[in-house]
Amino acid sequence: MGLISGVLTLPLAPVRGVVWVADQLAQAADRELHDPSVIRARLAALNEEYEAGHLNTEAFEREEQQLLDLLYGC
């Protein structure tokens, strides 16, 4: 980047920084959402909630299916 273009685009630097941070956050959230170990932990927690009686069968099956779809990419 030349001196002139650097000076002219300097006001956009904060915007580029915010876009970069937003992109990093989106990538981290996507990795966590599709991480098999995280999904398995969520399935285990869901099962515990169901066994403790905090969820009815319909809610449990719906949530379980969503997690299994994430896990197996359906």
Protein backbone atom coordinates (compact mmCIF):
# COMPACT_ATOMS: atom_id res chain seq x y z
CA MET A 1 0.00 0.00 0.00
CA GLY A 2 1.43 3.32 -1.01
CA LEU A 3 1.67 6.39 1.15
CA ILE A 4 -1.21 8.19 -0.58
CA SER A 5 -3.60 5.23 -0.49
CA GLY A 6 -2.60 4.55 3.14
CA VAL A 7 -3.47 8.10 4.13
CA LEU A 8 -6.71 8.11 2.15
CA THR A 9 -7.93 4.81 3.61
CA LEU A 10 -6.85 5.60 7.19
CA PRO A 11 -10.39 6.62 8.23
CA LEU A 12 -11.57 3.11 7.26
CA ALA A 13 -9.11 1.37 9.61
CA PRO A 14 -11.58 1.11 12.53
CA VAL A 15 -14.19 -0.40 10.22
CA ARG A 16 -11.73 -3.00 8.95
CA GLY A 17 -10.83 -3.82 12.56
CA VAL A 18 -14.47 -4.31 13.54
CA VAL A 19 -15.08 -6.49 10.48
CA TRP A 20 -12.03 -8.61 11.35
CA VAL A 21 -13.20 -9.07 14.97
CA ALA A 22 -16.71 -9.97 13.82
CA ASP A 23 -15.28 -12.51 11.38
CA GLN A 24 -13.12 -14.08 14.10
CA LEU A 25 -16.11 -14.34 16.44
CA ALA A 26 -18.25 -15.92 13.72
CA GLN A 27 -15.54 -18.49 12.97
CA ALA A 28 -15.14 -19.36 16.67
CA ALA A 29 -18.90 -19.74 17.12
CA ASP A 30 -19.11 -21.95 14.05
CA ARG A 31 -16.27 -24.15 15.28
CA GLU A 32 -17.92 -24.52 18.69
CA LEU A 33 -21.34 -25.18 17.20
CA HIS A 34 -20.03 -28.02 15.03
CA ASP A 35 -17.45 -29.47 17.43
CA PRO A 36 -18.44 -33.12 18.05
CA SER A 37 -17.22 -33.07 21.66
CA VAL A 38 -19.36 -30.02 22.44
CA ILE A 39 -22.41 -31.62 20.81
CA ARG A 40 -21.86 -34.86 22.74
CA ALA A 41 -21.62 -32.88 25.99
CA ARG A 42 -24.85 -31.09 25.12
CA LEU A 43 -26.50 -34.47 24.43
CA ALA A 44 -25.33 -35.76 27.82
CA ALA A 45 -26.66 -32.66 29.58
CA LEU A 46 -29.96 -32.99 27.72
CA ASN A 47 -30.23 -36.62 28.81
CA GLU A 48 -29.58 -35.64 32.43
CA GLU A 49 -32.29 -32.97 32.25
CA TYR A 50 -34.73 -35.51 30.84
CA GLU A 51 -33.91 -38.13 33.46
CA ALA A 52 -34.29 -35.52 36.20
CA GLY A 53 -37.80 -34.80 34.91
CA HIS A 54 -37.12 -31.24 33.76
CA LEU A 55 -38.09 -32.04 30.15
CA ASN A 56 -41.06 -33.87 28.73
CA THR A 57 -40.55 -36.58 26.12
CA GLU A 58 -41.57 -34.38 23.19
CA ALA A 59 -39.14 -31.58 24.08
CA PHE A 60 -36.36 -34.09 24.74
CA GLU A 61 -36.83 -35.84 21.40
CA ARG A 62 -36.99 -32.55 19.50
CA GLU A 63 -33.77 -31.23 21.08
CA GLU A 64 -32.05 -34.59 20.73
CA GLN A 65 -32.87 -34.74 17.02
CA GLN A 66 -31.49 -31.24 16.46
CA LEU A 67 -28.25 -32.16 18.21
CA LEU A 68 -27.94 -35.43 16.31
CA ASP A 69 -28.51 -33.58 13.04
CA LEU A 70 -25.64 -31.24 13.96
CA LEU A 71 -23.44 -34.15 14.97
CA TYR A 72 -23.98 -36.23 11.86
CA GLY A 73 -24.46 -33.36 9.39
CA CYS A 74 -27.96 -34.24 8.27
